[in-house]
């Protein structure tokens, strides 16, 4: 289990909390992080490849997910690819 951080020392800093998932080892956990944090450290594998699972979903919008389970993509002029497994996405 990861370290427990006292929020009393950060009481004036805005934070977000929620279910998180590591795209490397698929470990799921509850995270608390400063607002605007992009990547979270996974308490299981210690990699910085964890994301909040439901950080911003628009109601009624289609949700795209890679076959590896990741739903965060890098956009390039040639298209979108998964930063977890490197597969180019098709079918948008």
N, C-alpha and C. Protein backbone atom coordinates (compact mmCIF):
# COMPACT_ATOMS: atom_id res chain seq x y z
N UNK A 1 0.85 -1.17 0.00
CA UNK A 1 0.00 0.00 0.00
C UNK A 1 0.89 1.23 0.00
N UNK A 2 0.45 2.31 -0.65
CA UNK A 2 1.22 3.54 -0.74
C UNK A 2 1.21 4.32 0.55
N UNK A 3 2.01 5.37 0.57
CA UNK A 3 2.10 6.23 1.73
C UNK A 3 0.80 7.01 1.90
N UNK A 4 0.44 7.27 3.16
CA UNK A 4 -0.70 8.12 3.47
C UNK A 4 -0.17 9.53 3.67
N UNK A 5 -0.73 10.48 2.95
CA UNK A 5 -0.28 11.87 2.99
C UNK A 5 -1.30 12.69 3.76
N UNK A 6 -0.84 13.47 4.74
CA UNK A 6 -1.73 14.33 5.51
C UNK A 6 -2.16 15.51 4.65
N UNK A 7 -3.47 15.67 4.49
CA UNK A 7 -3.96 16.79 3.72
C UNK A 7 -3.94 18.09 4.52
N UNK A 8 -3.74 17.98 5.84
CA UNK A 8 -3.67 19.18 6.67
C UNK A 8 -2.53 20.09 6.23
N UNK A 9 -1.45 19.50 5.73
CA UNK A 9 -0.32 20.30 5.28
C UNK A 9 -0.58 20.96 3.94
N UNK A 10 -1.65 20.55 3.26
CA UNK A 10 -2.00 21.10 1.95
C UNK A 10 -3.41 21.67 1.95
N UNK A 11 -3.90 22.12 3.10
CA UNK A 11 -5.31 22.51 3.22
C UNK A 11 -5.69 23.70 2.34
N UNK A 12 -4.74 24.53 1.94
CA UNK A 12 -5.05 25.68 1.09
C UNK A 12 -4.86 25.39 -0.40
N UNK A 13 -4.36 24.20 -0.73
CA UNK A 13 -4.15 23.82 -2.12
C UNK A 13 -5.36 23.02 -2.61
N UNK A 14 -5.94 23.38 -3.76
CA UNK A 14 -7.08 22.59 -4.27
C UNK A 14 -6.61 21.21 -4.72
N UNK A 15 -7.38 20.19 -4.36
CA UNK A 15 -7.07 18.81 -4.71
C UNK A 15 -8.28 18.14 -5.34
N UNK A 16 -8.02 17.08 -6.06
CA UNK A 16 -9.08 16.25 -6.63
C UNK A 16 -8.88 14.83 -6.11
N UNK A 17 -9.95 14.10 -6.04
CA UNK A 17 -9.86 12.72 -5.58
C UNK A 17 -10.76 11.84 -6.44
N UNK A 18 -10.43 10.58 -6.49
CA UNK A 18 -11.27 9.66 -7.24
C UNK A 18 -10.56 8.35 -7.52
N UNK A 19 -11.28 7.47 -8.17
CA UNK A 19 -10.71 6.17 -8.54
C UNK A 19 -9.67 6.39 -9.61
N UNK A 20 -8.53 5.72 -9.47
CA UNK A 20 -7.44 5.83 -10.45
C UNK A 20 -7.06 4.43 -10.91
N UNK A 21 -6.42 4.38 -12.09
CA UNK A 21 -5.99 3.10 -12.67
C UNK A 21 -4.65 3.31 -13.34
N UNK A 22 -3.73 2.39 -13.10
CA UNK A 22 -2.42 2.43 -13.74
C UNK A 22 -2.53 1.75 -15.11
N UNK A 23 -2.09 2.44 -16.17
CA UNK A 23 -2.18 1.84 -17.50
C UNK A 23 -1.04 0.85 -17.73
N UNK A 24 -0.06 0.82 -16.83
CA UNK A 24 1.05 -0.12 -16.98
C UNK A 24 0.72 -1.47 -16.34
N UNK A 25 0.30 -1.46 -15.07
CA UNK A 25 0.07 -2.73 -14.36
C UNK A 25 -1.41 -3.00 -14.08
N UNK A 26 -2.31 -2.06 -14.47
CA UNK A 26 -3.76 -2.17 -14.32
C UNK A 26 -4.24 -2.15 -12.88
N UNK A 27 -3.37 -1.75 -11.94
CA UNK A 27 -3.77 -1.64 -10.53
C UNK A 27 -4.76 -0.49 -10.38
N UNK A 28 -5.82 -0.71 -9.62
CA UNK A 28 -6.81 0.33 -9.35
C UNK A 28 -6.72 0.74 -7.89
N UNK A 29 -6.86 2.05 -7.63
CA UNK A 29 -6.75 2.58 -6.28
C UNK A 29 -7.47 3.92 -6.21
N UNK A 30 -7.64 4.45 -5.00
CA UNK A 30 -8.22 5.77 -4.80
C UNK A 30 -7.06 6.74 -4.63
N UNK A 31 -7.12 7.84 -5.37
CA UNK A 31 -6.02 8.80 -5.37
C UNK A 31 -6.50 10.18 -4.95
N UNK A 32 -5.61 10.93 -4.33
CA UNK A 32 -5.80 12.34 -4.04
C UNK A 32 -4.60 13.04 -4.64
N UNK A 33 -4.85 14.05 -5.48
CA UNK A 33 -3.75 14.74 -6.17
C UNK A 33 -4.10 16.21 -6.35
N UNK A 34 -3.09 17.06 -6.49
CA UNK A 34 -3.37 18.47 -6.74
C UNK A 34 -4.15 18.64 -8.04
N UNK A 35 -5.06 19.61 -8.08
CA UNK A 35 -5.81 19.90 -9.29
C UNK A 35 -4.83 20.20 -10.41
N UNK A 36 -5.05 19.58 -11.56
CA UNK A 36 -4.18 19.77 -12.70
C UNK A 36 -3.12 18.71 -12.86
N UNK A 37 -2.98 17.81 -11.87
CA UNK A 37 -2.00 16.72 -11.99
C UNK A 37 -2.39 15.86 -13.18
N UNK A 38 -1.42 15.51 -13.99
CA UNK A 38 -1.70 14.70 -15.18
C UNK A 38 -1.46 13.22 -14.88
N UNK A 39 -0.23 12.86 -14.55
CA UNK A 39 0.11 11.47 -14.27
C UNK A 39 0.26 11.27 -12.76
N UNK A 40 -0.23 10.16 -12.26
CA UNK A 40 -0.14 9.82 -10.84
C UNK A 40 0.83 8.65 -10.68
N UNK A 41 1.47 8.59 -9.53
CA UNK A 41 2.37 7.47 -9.24
C UNK A 41 1.55 6.30 -8.74
N UNK A 42 1.71 5.16 -9.36
CA UNK A 42 1.00 3.95 -8.97
C UNK A 42 1.62 3.37 -7.70
N UNK A 43 0.82 3.11 -6.66
CA UNK A 43 1.37 2.53 -5.45
C UNK A 43 1.79 1.06 -5.62
N UNK A 44 1.36 0.42 -6.69
CA UNK A 44 1.70 -0.97 -6.92
C UNK A 44 3.04 -1.14 -7.63
N UNK A 45 3.20 -0.48 -8.78
CA UNK A 45 4.42 -0.65 -9.58
C UNK A 45 5.38 0.53 -9.47
N UNK A 46 4.94 1.59 -8.80
CA UNK A 46 5.73 2.82 -8.61
C UNK A 46 5.97 3.59 -9.90
N UNK A 47 5.33 3.20 -10.98
CA UNK A 47 5.47 3.93 -12.24
C UNK A 47 4.56 5.15 -12.26
N UNK A 48 4.91 6.15 -13.02
CA UNK A 48 4.08 7.35 -13.18
C UNK A 48 3.20 7.18 -14.40
N UNK A 49 2.35 6.13 -14.37
CA UNK A 49 1.47 5.83 -15.50
C UNK A 49 0.03 5.61 -15.04
N UNK A 50 -0.34 6.26 -13.94
CA UNK A 50 -1.70 6.14 -13.44
C UNK A 50 -2.48 7.41 -13.75
N UNK A 51 -3.77 7.24 -13.99
CA UNK A 51 -4.66 8.36 -14.30
C UNK A 51 -5.96 8.19 -13.52
N UNK A 52 -6.63 9.31 -13.26
CA UNK A 52 -7.97 9.21 -12.70
C UNK A 52 -8.87 8.55 -13.73
N UNK A 53 -9.71 7.63 -13.30
CA UNK A 53 -10.56 6.90 -14.23
C UNK A 53 -11.66 7.75 -14.84
N UNK A 54 -12.20 8.65 -14.07
CA UNK A 54 -13.35 9.42 -14.53
C UNK A 54 -13.07 10.92 -14.40
N UNK A 55 -11.93 11.36 -14.90
CA UNK A 55 -11.54 12.75 -14.70
C UNK A 55 -12.49 13.73 -15.41
N UNK A 56 -12.93 13.44 -16.60
CA UNK A 56 -13.86 14.32 -17.30
C UNK A 56 -14.54 13.54 -18.41
N UNK A 57 -15.75 13.14 -18.15
CA UNK A 57 -16.53 12.44 -19.17
C UNK A 57 -17.77 13.26 -19.46
N UNK A 58 -18.05 13.51 -20.73
CA UNK A 58 -19.22 14.27 -21.13
C UNK A 58 -20.39 13.31 -21.25
N UNK A 59 -21.48 13.63 -20.54
CA UNK A 59 -22.65 12.76 -20.55
C UNK A 59 -23.19 12.59 -21.96
N UNK A 60 -23.42 11.35 -22.36
CA UNK A 60 -23.98 11.05 -23.66
C UNK A 60 -22.96 10.95 -24.78
N UNK A 61 -21.71 11.34 -24.52
CA UNK A 61 -20.69 11.28 -25.56
C UNK A 61 -20.12 9.87 -25.66
N UNK A 62 -19.75 9.46 -26.87
CA UNK A 62 -19.12 8.16 -27.06
C UNK A 62 -17.75 8.17 -26.39
N UNK A 63 -17.39 7.10 -25.76
CA UNK A 63 -16.11 7.01 -25.05
C UNK A 63 -15.22 5.99 -25.75
N UNK A 64 -14.08 6.43 -26.28
CA UNK A 64 -13.16 5.57 -27.01
C UNK A 64 -12.14 4.99 -26.05
N UNK A 65 -11.87 3.70 -26.18
CA UNK A 65 -10.88 3.02 -25.34
C UNK A 65 -10.05 2.09 -26.20
N UNK A 66 -8.73 2.09 -25.99
CA UNK A 66 -7.83 1.19 -26.71
C UNK A 66 -8.09 -0.25 -26.26
N UNK A 67 -7.70 -1.21 -27.05
CA UNK A 67 -7.85 -2.62 -26.66
C UNK A 67 -7.08 -2.96 -25.38
N UNK A 68 -6.05 -2.16 -25.03
CA UNK A 68 -5.29 -2.41 -23.80
C UNK A 68 -6.00 -1.83 -22.57
N UNK A 69 -7.10 -1.10 -22.77
CA UNK A 69 -7.86 -0.54 -21.67
C UNK A 69 -7.59 0.94 -21.40
N UNK A 70 -6.61 1.51 -22.05
CA UNK A 70 -6.28 2.92 -21.86
C UNK A 70 -7.26 3.80 -22.64
N UNK A 71 -7.62 4.95 -22.04
CA UNK A 71 -8.50 5.88 -22.76
C UNK A 71 -7.87 7.27 -22.92
N UNK A 72 -6.56 7.35 -22.77
CA UNK A 72 -5.83 8.59 -23.01
C UNK A 72 -4.98 8.39 -24.25
N UNK A 73 -5.03 9.34 -25.18
CA UNK A 73 -4.30 9.18 -26.42
C UNK A 73 -3.45 10.40 -26.73
N UNK A 74 -2.40 10.18 -27.49
CA UNK A 74 -1.57 11.27 -27.98
C UNK A 74 -2.01 11.57 -29.40
N UNK A 75 -2.18 12.88 -29.68
CA UNK A 75 -2.63 13.31 -31.00
C UNK A 75 -1.44 13.83 -31.80
N UNK A 76 -1.34 13.40 -33.03
CA UNK A 76 -0.30 13.87 -33.95
C UNK A 76 -0.99 14.26 -35.26
N UNK A 77 -0.24 14.84 -36.17
CA UNK A 77 -0.82 15.19 -37.48
C UNK A 77 -1.22 13.95 -38.26
N UNK A 78 -0.66 12.79 -37.90
CA UNK A 78 -0.97 11.54 -38.61
C UNK A 78 -2.09 10.74 -37.95
N UNK A 79 -2.57 11.17 -36.79
CA UNK A 79 -3.64 10.46 -36.11
C UNK A 79 -3.38 10.36 -34.62
N UNK A 80 -4.04 9.40 -33.98
CA UNK A 80 -3.96 9.21 -32.55
C UNK A 80 -3.33 7.86 -32.23
N UNK A 81 -2.46 7.83 -31.20
CA UNK A 81 -1.90 6.56 -30.77
C UNK A 81 -1.96 6.44 -29.26
N UNK A 82 -1.94 5.22 -28.78
CA UNK A 82 -2.02 4.92 -27.35
C UNK A 82 -0.62 5.02 -26.75
N UNK A 83 -0.41 5.86 -25.72
CA UNK A 83 0.91 5.97 -25.12
C UNK A 83 1.26 4.78 -24.24
N UNK A 84 0.30 3.90 -23.99
CA UNK A 84 0.57 2.72 -23.17
C UNK A 84 1.13 1.58 -24.01
N UNK A 85 0.46 1.27 -25.14
CA UNK A 85 0.90 0.13 -25.94
C UNK A 85 1.42 0.52 -27.33
N UNK A 86 1.26 1.80 -27.70
CA UNK A 86 1.80 2.29 -28.97
C UNK A 86 0.97 2.01 -30.20
N UNK A 87 -0.22 1.47 -30.04
CA UNK A 87 -1.05 1.11 -31.19
C UNK A 87 -1.75 2.36 -31.72
N UNK A 88 -1.66 2.56 -33.06
CA UNK A 88 -2.40 3.63 -33.71
C UNK A 88 -3.88 3.30 -33.67
N UNK A 89 -4.71 4.29 -33.38
CA UNK A 89 -6.14 4.07 -33.23
C UNK A 89 -6.83 4.30 -34.57
N UNK A 90 -7.79 3.44 -34.87
CA UNK A 90 -8.55 3.53 -36.11
C UNK A 90 -10.04 3.44 -35.77
N UNK A 91 -10.87 4.05 -36.59
CA UNK A 91 -12.31 3.91 -36.40
C UNK A 91 -12.98 5.09 -35.76
N UNK A 92 -12.31 6.21 -35.60
CA UNK A 92 -12.97 7.39 -35.03
C UNK A 92 -14.05 7.87 -35.94
